[in-house]
Each structure stands twice: as structure tokens, then as C-alpha cells.
């Protein structure tokens, strides 16, 4: 059994749900007593932007047609 499988098997159902629901708009919930840090996610559709919305690198945006 890998370390990941062992850690997951030690999580309660409520802790597993916390990992799925997240902490805020950008981060997963951290479970420090299981040594699981929060992880930051970003929308990569127009390049990875992170949490800074101003003074960033300009990105081209193309409209997408949907049929």
C-alpha cells in the first residue's frame, strides 16, 4: 500500500468531503494533522493566472463559437 493510499484510508468521510469542497475559491482544504497542505488551483484556459489579477502578463483572448 502506498503512502497516499494509507493516508486516504485514515481519513474520515467528513475529511474526504472537505478535500472535495475546498477552502476558498482557489484552494483545497488543508488537513495538517494528516500532513495534507492546501493546494492552489488556477483556471488555465487563458494561461495560468494565479490569484493576482492586476499587473499580470497580457494574454490573447479568442471568442469560441459553439454549435
C-alpha atoms as a PDB file:
ATOM      1  CA  UNK A   1       0.000   0.000   0.000  1.00  0.00           C
ATOM      2  CA  UNK A   2       1.416   3.405  -0.979  1.00  0.00           C
ATOM      3  CA  UNK A   3       1.670   6.371   1.384  1.00  0.00           C
ATOM      4  CA  UNK A   4      -1.209   8.052  -0.462  1.00  0.00           C
ATOM      5  CA  UNK A   5      -3.467   5.021  -0.130  1.00  0.00           C
ATOM      6  CA  UNK A   6      -2.561   4.714   3.553  1.00  0.00           C
ATOM      7  CA  UNK A   7      -3.298   8.400   4.194  1.00  0.00           C
ATOM      8  CA  UNK A   8      -6.626   8.221   2.343  1.00  0.00           C
ATOM      9  CA  UNK A   9      -7.670   5.136   4.283  1.00  0.00           C
ATOM     10  CA  UNK A  10      -7.014   7.050   7.537  1.00  0.00           C
ATOM     11  CA  UNK A  11      -9.292   9.959   6.547  1.00  0.00           C
ATOM     12  CA  UNK A  12     -12.841  10.117   7.847  1.00  0.00           C
ATOM     13  CA  UNK A  13     -15.699  10.591   5.383  1.00  0.00           C
ATOM     14  CA  UNK A  14     -16.051  14.212   6.538  1.00  0.00           C
ATOM     15  CA  UNK A  15     -12.328  14.872   5.897  1.00  0.00           C
ATOM     16  CA  UNK A  16     -12.569  13.380   2.394  1.00  0.00           C
ATOM     17  CA  UNK A  17     -15.540  15.631   1.662  1.00  0.00           C
ATOM     18  CA  UNK A  18     -13.561  18.659   2.920  1.00  0.00           C
ATOM     19  CA  UNK A  19     -10.881  17.872   0.337  1.00  0.00           C
ATOM     20  CA  UNK A  20     -13.514  17.885  -2.420  1.00  0.00           C
ATOM     21  CA  UNK A  21     -15.317  21.031  -1.331  1.00  0.00           C
ATOM     22  CA  UNK A  22     -12.258  23.227  -0.884  1.00  0.00           C
ATOM     23  CA  UNK A  23     -11.268  26.019   1.478  1.00  0.00           C
ATOM     24  CA  UNK A  24     -11.963  29.044  -0.725  1.00  0.00           C
ATOM     25  CA  UNK A  25     -12.218  29.931  -4.402  1.00  0.00           C
ATOM     26  CA  UNK A  26      -8.598  28.975  -5.145  1.00  0.00           C
ATOM     27  CA  UNK A  27      -7.539  26.385  -2.538  1.00  0.00           C
ATOM     28  CA  UNK A  28      -8.391  22.933  -1.295  1.00  0.00           C
ATOM     29  CA  UNK A  29      -8.844  22.452   2.435  1.00  0.00           C
ATOM     30  CA  UNK A  30      -5.713  21.579   4.398  1.00  0.00           C
ATOM     31  CA  UNK A  31      -5.663  18.692   6.849  1.00  0.00           C
ATOM     32  CA  UNK A  32      -2.485  19.452   8.823  1.00  0.00           C
ATOM     33  CA  UNK A  33      -2.926  16.565  11.284  1.00  0.00           C
ATOM     34  CA  UNK A  34      -2.687  14.233   8.243  1.00  0.00           C
ATOM     35  CA  UNK A  35       0.174  16.309   6.749  1.00  0.00           C
ATOM     36  CA  UNK A  36      -2.011  17.360   3.796  1.00  0.00           C
ATOM     37  CA  UNK A  37      -1.373  21.000   2.817  1.00  0.00           C
ATOM     38  CA  UNK A  38      -3.844  23.200   0.976  1.00  0.00           C
ATOM     39  CA  UNK A  39      -3.324  23.161  -2.790  1.00  0.00           C
ATOM     40  CA  UNK A  40      -3.910  26.193  -5.025  1.00  0.00           C
ATOM     41  CA  UNK A  41      -5.783  25.714  -8.297  1.00  0.00           C
ATOM     42  CA  UNK A  42      -5.991  28.109 -11.221  1.00  0.00           C
ATOM     43  CA  UNK A  43      -8.044  28.423 -14.372  1.00  0.00           C
ATOM     44  CA  UNK A  44      -5.620  27.655 -17.184  1.00  0.00           C
ATOM     45  CA  UNK A  45      -7.908  28.326 -20.147  1.00  0.00           C
ATOM     46  CA  UNK A  46      -6.230  31.697 -20.846  1.00  0.00           C
ATOM     47  CA  UNK A  47      -2.913  30.847 -19.236  1.00  0.00           C
ATOM     48  CA  UNK A  48      -2.353  30.236 -15.561  1.00  0.00           C
ATOM     49  CA  UNK A  49      -3.281  33.464 -13.810  1.00  0.00           C
ATOM     50  CA  UNK A  50      -2.975  32.602 -10.118  1.00  0.00           C
ATOM     51  CA  UNK A  51      -4.521  34.947  -7.546  1.00  0.00           C
ATOM     52  CA  UNK A  52      -3.093  38.217  -8.884  1.00  0.00           C
ATOM     53  CA  UNK A  53      -5.474  39.905 -11.275  1.00  0.00           C
ATOM     54  CA  UNK A  54      -3.627  43.172 -11.902  1.00  0.00           C
ATOM     55  CA  UNK A  55      -0.144  43.869 -13.283  1.00  0.00           C
ATOM     56  CA  UNK A  56      -0.123  40.477 -14.968  1.00  0.00           C
ATOM     57  CA  UNK A  57       1.171  39.404 -18.345  1.00  0.00           C
ATOM     58  CA  UNK A  58      -1.327  40.224 -21.140  1.00  0.00           C
ATOM     59  CA  UNK A  59      -2.993  37.150 -22.635  1.00  0.00           C
ATOM     60  CA  UNK A  60      -4.721  36.919 -26.011  1.00  0.00           C
ATOM     61  CA  UNK A  61      -8.391  36.000 -25.796  1.00  0.00           C
ATOM     62  CA  UNK A  62     -10.224  34.387 -28.698  1.00  0.00           C
ATOM     63  CA  UNK A  63     -14.000  34.024 -28.822  1.00  0.00           C
ATOM     64  CA  UNK A  64     -15.142  30.447 -29.201  1.00  0.00           C
ATOM     65  CA  UNK A  65     -18.113  29.555 -31.385  1.00  0.00           C
ATOM     66  CA  UNK A  66     -20.454  26.906 -30.042  1.00  0.00           C
ATOM     67  CA  UNK A  67     -22.736  24.866 -32.260  1.00  0.00           C
END
